[in-house]
């Protein structure tokens, strides 16, 4: 028999809201991060290859989500945080380098490094996002799924609407902004992976994986 007392309903609704906000906050940051890297990657390797890599990441995420949810095995979060942090620093370095030396747009080796770097990022994000979504699902499945879907839809709309906006901004400025944002996202992940003290406000802005 389902408990329908007012206290139980309040607790249940509160839990759904907390999980929804937690999922929204987490995936808004993560999808935004991947959007930044994906946008820069598409400039190097083309839009179609970038979309294919991104969609493969989505498929891997869904597969891993069901594995995490049913079997509950996890890769150590500090390992994921370290790899993700290093990968984001890699892209941040690439952005800053191209602001200083922007004449390598036709460098095939440079384009390959973007492709392989983005594949690595998408793969690591798949492990990260699936494990976090599964953990939130254990608490409340509706709040977790809704909280994850909303930011994804927001960025899909941004992608569809923002092309003309980004085209008006000089590429050097986009690279500089991207490099700064990626470095800011990567730094807390490195801190979390090493177990160093991090203030609570940093957890709120860039949430740790656990």
Protein backbone atom coordinates (compact mmCIF):
# COMPACT_ATOMS: atom_id res chain seq x y z
CA UNK A 1 0.00 0.00 0.00
CA UNK A 2 1.37 3.41 -1.02
CA UNK A 3 1.90 5.89 1.80
CA UNK A 4 -0.18 9.00 1.07
CA UNK A 5 0.15 10.91 4.35
CA UNK A 6 0.82 14.67 4.00
CA UNK A 7 4.27 14.32 5.61
CA UNK A 8 5.29 11.56 3.21
CA UNK A 9 4.06 13.56 0.20
CA UNK A 10 5.98 16.66 1.30
CA UNK A 11 9.17 14.64 1.80
CA UNK A 12 8.72 12.91 -1.55
CA UNK A 13 8.13 16.16 -3.46
CA UNK A 14 11.06 17.81 -1.69
CA UNK A 15 13.34 14.93 -2.64
CA UNK A 16 12.24 15.10 -6.28
CA UNK A 17 12.93 18.85 -6.32
CA UNK A 18 16.38 18.45 -4.73
CA UNK A 19 17.38 15.73 -7.20
CA UNK A 20 15.99 17.73 -10.13
CA UNK A 21 18.01 20.82 -9.14
CA UNK A 22 21.14 18.74 -8.54
CA UNK A 23 20.82 17.04 -11.93
CA UNK A 24 20.09 20.34 -13.67
CA UNK A 25 23.08 22.07 -12.08
CA UNK A 26 25.43 19.20 -12.90
CA UNK A 27 24.36 18.60 -16.48
CA UNK A 28 24.10 22.31 -17.27
CA UNK A 29 27.80 22.66 -16.42
CA UNK A 30 28.80 19.43 -18.18
CA UNK A 31 26.80 19.99 -21.37
CA UNK A 32 28.03 23.60 -21.48
CA UNK A 33 31.61 22.40 -21.20
CA UNK A 34 31.15 19.88 -24.02
CA UNK A 35 29.37 22.51 -26.11
CA UNK A 36 32.41 24.81 -25.85
CA UNK A 37 34.84 22.07 -26.86
CA UNK A 38 32.52 20.67 -29.53
CA UNK A 39 32.07 24.10 -31.10
CA UNK A 40 35.82 24.60 -31.38
CA UNK A 41 36.31 21.04 -32.64
CA UNK A 42 33.70 21.52 -35.37
CA UNK A 43 35.74 24.49 -36.62
CA UNK A 44 38.71 22.17 -37.04
CA UNK A 45 37.35 18.81 -38.19
CA UNK A 46 33.95 19.81 -39.54
CA UNK A 47 30.42 19.77 -38.19
CA UNK A 48 29.42 16.25 -39.31
CA UNK A 49 32.39 14.43 -37.71
CA UNK A 50 31.83 16.41 -34.50
CA UNK A 51 28.14 15.46 -34.45
CA UNK A 52 29.00 11.80 -35.06
CA UNK A 53 31.48 11.77 -32.16
CA UNK A 54 28.94 13.50 -29.92
CA UNK A 55 26.14 11.07 -30.82
CA UNK A 56 28.45 8.10 -30.19
CA UNK A 57 29.10 9.59 -26.75
CA UNK A 58 25.36 9.80 -26.10
CA UNK A 59 24.93 6.14 -27.06
CA UNK A 60 27.83 5.09 -24.81
CA UNK A 61 26.35 7.14 -21.98
CA UNK A 62 22.99 5.39 -22.28
CA UNK A 63 24.63 1.94 -22.33
CA UNK A 64 26.80 2.74 -19.32
CA UNK A 65 23.83 4.25 -17.50
CA UNK A 66 21.93 0.96 -17.64
CA UNK A 67 25.06 -0.94 -16.58
CA UNK A 68 25.66 1.39 -13.65
CA UNK A 69 22.00 1.32 -12.68
CA UNK A 70 21.66 -2.46 -12.71
CA UNK A 71 25.12 -3.60 -11.61
CA UNK A 72 26.34 -0.55 -9.66
CA UNK A 73 30.01 -0.90 -10.50
CA UNK A 74 31.92 2.35 -10.59
CA UNK A 75 35.26 3.61 -11.83
CA UNK A 76 36.96 5.59 -9.00
CA UNK A 77 35.69 9.14 -9.29
CA UNK A 78 39.09 10.69 -8.57
CA UNK A 79 40.49 8.91 -11.63
CA UNK A 80 37.71 10.29 -13.85
CA UNK A 81 38.18 13.78 -12.40
CA UNK A 82 41.93 13.65 -13.04
CA UNK A 83 41.57 12.47 -16.66
CA UNK A 84 38.81 14.97 -17.40
CA UNK A 85 40.79 17.80 -15.82
CA UNK A 86 43.88 16.97 -17.89
CA UNK A 87 41.80 16.67 -21.08
CA UNK A 88 40.17 20.05 -20.50
CA UNK A 89 43.56 21.63 -19.78
CA UNK A 90 44.71 20.16 -23.09
CA UNK A 91 41.91 21.91 -24.99
CA UNK A 92 42.45 25.09 -22.97
CA UNK A 93 46.13 25.05 -23.95
CA UNK A 94 45.12 24.56 -27.59
CA UNK A 95 42.83 27.59 -27.40
CA UNK A 96 45.50 29.85 -25.89
CA UNK A 97 48.11 28.60 -28.35
CA UNK A 98 45.88 29.42 -31.33
CA UNK A 99 45.24 32.93 -29.98
CA UNK A 100 49.02 33.50 -30.09
CA UNK A 101 49.73 31.52 -33.29
CA UNK A 102 46.47 31.41 -35.32
CA UNK A 103 48.05 30.41 -38.65
CA UNK A 104 47.79 26.64 -38.25
CA UNK A 105 44.19 26.21 -39.40
CA UNK A 106 45.19 23.90 -42.25
CA UNK A 107 47.60 21.80 -40.18
CA UNK A 108 46.38 18.20 -40.58
CA UNK A 109 48.22 17.01 -37.45
CA UNK A 110 46.59 19.81 -35.46
CA UNK A 111 43.14 18.83 -36.76
CA UNK A 112 43.76 15.19 -35.83
CA UNK A 113 44.75 16.22 -32.32
CA UNK A 114 41.42 18.01 -32.00
CA UNK A 115 39.54 14.95 -33.23
CA UNK A 116 41.31 12.51 -30.92
CA UNK A 117 41.16 14.92 -28.01
CA UNK A 118 37.42 15.36 -28.48
CA UNK A 119 36.93 11.59 -28.73
CA UNK A 120 38.78 11.21 -25.42
CA UNK A 121 36.70 13.95 -23.81
CA UNK A 122 33.40 12.50 -25.03
CA UNK A 123 34.42 9.03 -23.81
CA UNK A 124 35.37 10.29 -20.35
CA UNK A 125 32.20 12.40 -20.20
CA UNK A 126 30.19 9.27 -21.01
CA UNK A 127 31.58 7.45 -17.97
CA UNK A 128 31.13 10.52 -15.79
CA UNK A 129 27.62 11.49 -16.86
CA UNK A 130 26.26 7.94 -16.79
CA UNK A 131 27.59 7.28 -13.28
CA UNK A 132 26.21 10.56 -11.90
CA UNK A 133 22.82 10.06 -13.56
CA UNK A 134 22.64 6.50 -12.22
CA UNK A 135 23.51 7.69 -8.70
CA UNK A 136 20.81 10.37 -8.82
CA UNK A 137 18.36 7.86 -10.27
CA UNK A 138 18.86 5.65 -7.21
CA UNK A 139 17.45 8.54 -5.14
CA UNK A 140 14.66 9.67 -7.47
CA UNK A 141 14.37 8.64 -11.11
CA UNK A 142 11.89 11.30 -12.27
CA UNK A 143 13.80 14.23 -10.78
CA UNK A 144 17.12 12.90 -12.14
CA UNK A 145 15.87 12.38 -15.70
CA UNK A 146 13.96 15.67 -15.92
CA UNK A 147 16.90 17.56 -14.42
CA UNK A 148 19.24 16.04 -17.02
CA UNK A 149 16.96 16.49 -20.03
CA UNK A 150 16.18 20.19 -19.46
CA UNK A 151 19.78 21.51 -19.78
CA UNK A 152 20.40 19.23 -22.75
CA UNK A 153 17.38 20.72 -24.53
CA UNK A 154 18.54 24.23 -23.60
CA UNK A 155 21.92 23.68 -25.26
CA UNK A 156 20.33 22.05 -28.31
CA UNK A 157 18.29 25.24 -28.76
CA UNK A 158 21.42 27.34 -28.21
CA UNK A 159 23.26 25.33 -30.86
CA UNK A 160 20.43 25.86 -33.36
CA UNK A 161 20.09 29.58 -32.62
CA UNK A 162 23.66 30.66 -31.88
CA UNK A 163 25.48 30.08 -35.18
CA UNK A 164 24.83 33.60 -36.46
CA UNK A 165 25.83 35.07 -33.08
CA UNK A 166 29.14 33.22 -32.93
CA UNK A 167 29.90 34.10 -36.55
CA UNK A 168 29.87 37.78 -35.57
CA UNK A 169 32.47 37.31 -32.82
CA UNK A 170 36.15 37.24 -33.92
CA UNK A 171 37.55 33.71 -33.75
CA UNK A 172 40.49 34.84 -31.61
CA UNK A 173 38.10 36.15 -28.94
CA UNK A 174 36.08 32.93 -29.02
CA UNK A 175 39.27 30.93 -28.53
CA UNK A 176 40.38 33.15 -25.65
CA UNK A 177 36.99 32.89 -23.93
CA UNK A 178 36.92 29.12 -24.50
CA UNK A 179 40.44 28.69 -23.11
CA UNK A 180 39.61 30.63 -19.95
CA UNK A 181 36.32 28.79 -19.36
CA UNK A 182 37.88 25.36 -19.92
CA UNK A 183 40.75 26.14 -17.55
CA UNK A 184 38.28 27.33 -14.91
CA UNK A 185 36.31 24.07 -15.25
CA UNK A 186 39.43 21.87 -15.26
CA UNK A 187 41.06 23.36 -12.15
CA UNK A 188 38.39 22.24 -9.61
CA UNK A 189 38.39 18.73 -11.13
CA UNK A 190 42.14 18.46 -10.55
CA UNK A 191 41.69 19.71 -7.00
CA UNK A 192 38.94 17.16 -6.32
CA UNK A 193 40.98 14.31 -7.82
CA UNK A 194 43.91 15.00 -5.49
CA UNK A 195 41.76 15.24 -2.38
CA UNK A 196 42.84 18.81 -1.61
CA UNK A 197 40.50 21.05 0.36
CA UNK A 198 37.90 22.83 -1.78
CA UNK A 199 35.41 25.38 -0.40
CA UNK A 200 31.72 24.61 -0.62
CA UNK A 201 31.03 27.41 -3.09
CA UNK A 202 33.43 25.73 -5.53
CA UNK A 203 31.42 22.49 -5.23
CA UNK A 204 28.31 24.43 -6.15
CA UNK A 205 29.82 26.05 -9.25
CA UNK A 206 31.72 22.98 -10.53
CA UNK A 207 30.31 19.89 -8.76
CA UNK A 208 32.60 16.96 -7.94
CA UNK A 209 31.68 13.61 -9.46
CA UNK A 210 30.81 12.02 -6.11
